[in-house]
Amino acid sequence: MYKCINCMNKKEISNPHVTRKTAVITRKSAIITRRISP
């Protein structure tokens, strides 16, 4: 997870538009993890 987040952070600095996509991905992943874990 840390590596992915670090890579995304670097991309966000270069492309501010990517921040929205990463935010959506993080929200979806959080929802999926909540469904899997009780």
PDB file of N, CA and C in Angstrom:
ATOM      1  N   MET A   1       0.838  -1.209   0.000  1.00  0.00           N
ATOM      2  CA  MET A   1       0.000   0.000   0.000  1.00  0.00           C
ATOM      3  C   MET A   1       0.868   1.252   0.000  1.00  0.00           C
ATOM      4  N   TYR A   2       1.894   1.270   0.878  1.00  0.00           N
ATOM      5  CA  TYR A   2       2.740   2.465   0.973  1.00  0.00           C
ATOM      6  C   TYR A   2       3.379   2.796  -0.375  1.00  0.00           C
ATOM      7  N   LYS A   3       3.885   1.779  -1.060  1.00  0.00           N
ATOM      8  CA  LYS A   3       4.532   2.034  -2.352  1.00  0.00           C
ATOM      9  C   LYS A   3       3.528   2.646  -3.322  1.00  0.00           C
ATOM     10  N   CYS A   4       2.326   2.086  -3.368  1.00  0.00           N
ATOM     11  CA  CYS A   4       1.312   2.616  -4.299  1.00  0.00           C
ATOM     12  C   CYS A   4       0.988   4.063  -3.948  1.00  0.00           C
ATOM     13  N   ILE A   5       0.814   4.323  -2.640  1.00  0.00           N
ATOM     14  CA  ILE A   5       0.474   5.688  -2.215  1.00  0.00           C
ATOM     15  C   ILE A   5       1.613   6.644  -2.594  1.00  0.00           C
ATOM     16  N   ASN A   6       2.859   6.225  -2.362  1.00  0.00           N
ATOM     17  CA  ASN A   6       3.995   7.091  -2.692  1.00  0.00           C
ATOM     18  C   ASN A   6       4.016   7.385  -4.186  1.00  0.00           C
ATOM     19  N   CYS A   7       3.806   6.374  -5.006  1.00  0.00           N
ATOM     20  CA  CYS A   7       3.797   6.585  -6.463  1.00  0.00           C
ATOM     21  C   CYS A   7       2.686   7.553  -6.832  1.00  0.00           C
ATOM     22  N   MET A   8       1.497   7.371  -6.244  1.00  0.00           N
ATOM     23  CA  MET A   8       0.376   8.252  -6.557  1.00  0.00           C
ATOM     24  C   MET A   8       0.699   9.675  -6.126  1.00  0.00           C
ATOM     25  N   ASN A   9       1.316   9.833  -4.943  1.00  0.00           N
ATOM     26  CA  ASN A   9       1.655  11.177  -4.466  1.00  0.00           C
ATOM     27  C   ASN A   9       2.583  11.868  -5.465  1.00  0.00           C
ATOM     28  N   LYS A  10       3.576  11.151  -5.979  1.00  0.00           N
ATOM     29  CA  LYS A  10       4.498  11.743  -6.958  1.00  0.00           C
ATOM     30  C   LYS A  10       3.728  12.170  -8.208  1.00  0.00           C
ATOM     31  N   LYS A  11       2.797  11.325  -8.650  1.00  0.00           N
ATOM     32  CA  LYS A  11       2.010  11.660  -9.846  1.00  0.00           C
ATOM     33  C   LYS A  11       1.115  12.864  -9.560  1.00  0.00           C
ATOM     34  N   GLU A  12       0.563  12.924  -8.344  1.00  0.00           N
ATOM     35  CA  GLU A  12      -0.315  14.044  -7.995  1.00  0.00           C
ATOM     36  C   GLU A  12       0.449  15.362  -8.091  1.00  0.00           C
ATOM     37  N   ILE A  13       1.701  15.368  -7.612  1.00  0.00           N
ATOM     38  CA  ILE A  13       2.490  16.604  -7.638  1.00  0.00           C
ATOM     39  C   ILE A  13       2.664  17.058  -9.094  1.00  0.00           C
ATOM     40  N   SER A  14       2.892  16.096 -10.008  1.00  0.00           N
ATOM     41  CA  SER A  14       3.096  16.462 -11.419  1.00  0.00           C
ATOM     42  C   SER A  14       1.759  16.756 -12.097  1.00  0.00           C
ATOM     43  N   ASN A  15       0.729  15.965 -11.764  1.00  0.00           N
ATOM     44  CA  ASN A  15      -0.594  16.165 -12.386  1.00  0.00           C
ATOM     45  C   ASN A  15      -1.650  16.355 -11.294  1.00  0.00           C
ATOM     46  N   PRO A  16      -2.114  17.577 -11.066  1.00  0.00           N
ATOM     47  CA  PRO A  16      -3.129  17.821 -10.025  1.00  0.00           C
ATOM     48  C   PRO A  16      -4.460  17.160 -10.345  1.00  0.00           C
ATOM     49  N   HIS A  17      -4.704  16.861 -11.629  1.00  0.00           N
ATOM     50  CA  HIS A  17      -5.971  16.230 -12.010  1.00  0.00           C
ATOM     51  C   HIS A  17      -6.042  14.789 -11.501  1.00  0.00           C
ATOM     52  N   VAL A  18      -4.866  14.179 -11.273  1.00  0.00           N
ATOM     53  CA  VAL A  18      -4.834  12.778 -10.817  1.00  0.00           C
ATOM     54  C   VAL A  18      -5.354  12.671  -9.385  1.00  0.00           C
ATOM     55  N   THR A  19      -5.279  13.762  -8.618  1.00  0.00           N
ATOM     56  CA  THR A  19      -5.698  13.709  -7.211  1.00  0.00           C
ATOM     57  C   THR A  19      -7.149  13.246  -7.115  1.00  0.00           C
ATOM     58  N   ARG A  20      -8.008  13.730  -7.991  1.00  0.00           N
ATOM     59  CA  ARG A  20      -9.423  13.322  -7.944  1.00  0.00           C
ATOM     60  C   ARG A  20      -9.556  11.829  -8.201  1.00  0.00           C
ATOM     61  N   LYS A  21      -8.838  11.316  -9.193  1.00  0.00           N
ATOM     62  CA  LYS A  21      -8.917   9.879  -9.496  1.00  0.00           C
ATOM     63  C   LYS A  21      -8.430   9.066  -8.300  1.00  0.00           C
ATOM     64  N   THR A  22      -7.314   9.464  -7.699  1.00  0.00           N
ATOM     65  CA  THR A  22      -6.781   8.719  -6.553  1.00  0.00           C
ATOM     66  C   THR A  22      -7.772   8.761  -5.397  1.00  0.00           C
ATOM     67  N   ALA A  23      -8.409   9.908  -5.177  1.00  0.00           N
ATOM     68  CA  ALA A  23      -9.380  10.031  -4.085  1.00  0.00           C
ATOM     69  C   ALA A  23     -10.530   9.056  -4.315  1.00  0.00           C
ATOM     70  N   VAL A  24     -11.009   8.972  -5.556  1.00  0.00           N
ATOM     71  CA  VAL A  24     -12.109   8.047  -5.865  1.00  0.00           C
ATOM     72  C   VAL A  24     -11.659   6.610  -5.640  1.00  0.00           C
ATOM     73  N   ILE A  25     -10.428   6.296  -6.081  1.00  0.00           N
ATOM     74  CA  ILE A  25      -9.913   4.929  -5.919  1.00  0.00           C
ATOM     75  C   ILE A  25      -9.795   4.596  -4.429  1.00  0.00           C
ATOM     76  N   THR A  26      -9.269   5.520  -3.646  1.00  0.00           N
ATOM     77  CA  THR A  26      -9.101   5.261  -2.209  1.00  0.00           C
ATOM     78  C   THR A  26     -10.461   5.042  -1.558  1.00  0.00           C
ATOM     79  N   ARG A  27     -11.455   5.835  -1.949  1.00  0.00           N
ATOM     80  CA  ARG A  27     -12.801   5.665  -1.376  1.00  0.00           C
ATOM     81  C   ARG A  27     -13.358   4.297  -1.744  1.00  0.00           C
ATOM     82  N   LYS A  28     -13.223   3.900  -3.002  1.00  0.00           N
ATOM     83  CA  LYS A  28     -13.728   2.588  -3.432  1.00  0.00           C
ATOM     84  C   LYS A  28     -13.005   1.482  -2.675  1.00  0.00           C
ATOM     85  N   SER A  29     -11.692   1.570  -2.553  1.00  0.00           N
ATOM     86  CA  SER A  29     -10.926   0.544  -1.840  1.00  0.00           C
ATOM     87  C   SER A  29     -11.354   0.489  -0.378  1.00  0.00           C
ATOM     88  N   ALA A  30     -11.593   1.644   0.237  1.00  0.00           N
ATOM     89  CA  ALA A  30     -12.024   1.680   1.640  1.00  0.00           C
ATOM     90  C   ALA A  30     -13.377   0.993   1.781  1.00  0.00           C
ATOM     91  N   ILE A  31     -14.280   1.262   0.848  1.00  0.00           N
ATOM     92  CA  ILE A  31     -15.610   0.635   0.906  1.00  0.00           C
ATOM     93  C   ILE A  31     -15.473  -0.880   0.745  1.00  0.00           C
ATOM     94  N   ILE A  32     -14.614  -1.313  -0.173  1.00  0.00           N
ATOM     95  CA  ILE A  32     -14.422  -2.754  -0.400  1.00  0.00           C
ATOM     96  C   ILE A  32     -13.853  -3.395   0.864  1.00  0.00           C
ATOM     97  N   THR A  33     -12.860  -2.768   1.481  1.00  0.00           N
ATOM     98  CA  THR A  33     -12.248  -3.331   2.690  1.00  0.00           C
ATOM     99  C   THR A  33     -13.281  -3.410   3.807  1.00  0.00           C
ATOM    100  N   ARG A  34     -14.127  -2.411   3.916  1.00  0.00           N
ATOM    101  CA  ARG A  34     -15.164  -2.433   4.960  1.00  0.00           C
ATOM    102  C   ARG A  34     -16.125  -3.589   4.721  1.00  0.00           C
ATOM    103  N   ARG A  35     -16.487  -3.833   3.467  1.00  0.00           N
ATOM    104  CA  ARG A  35     -17.409  -4.938   3.164  1.00  0.00           C
ATOM    105  C   ARG A  35     -16.758  -6.274   3.496  1.00  0.00           C
ATOM    106  N   ILE A  36     -15.476  -6.425   3.149  1.00  0.00           N
ATOM    107  CA  ILE A  36     -14.775  -7.693   3.408  1.00  0.00           C
ATOM    108  C   ILE A  36     -14.603  -7.886   4.919  1.00  0.00           C
ATOM    109  N   SER A  37     -14.124  -6.869   5.618  1.00  0.00           N
ATOM    110  CA  SER A  37     -13.894  -6.985   7.064  1.00  0.00           C
ATOM    111  C   SER A  37     -15.167  -6.628   7.828  1.00  0.00           C
ATOM    112  N   PRO A  38     -15.510  -7.384   8.856  1.00  0.00           N
ATOM    113  CA  PRO A  38     -16.737  -7.116   9.610  1.00  0.00           C
ATOM    114  C   PRO A  38     -16.665  -5.822  10.403  1.00  0.00           C
TER     115      PRO A  38
END
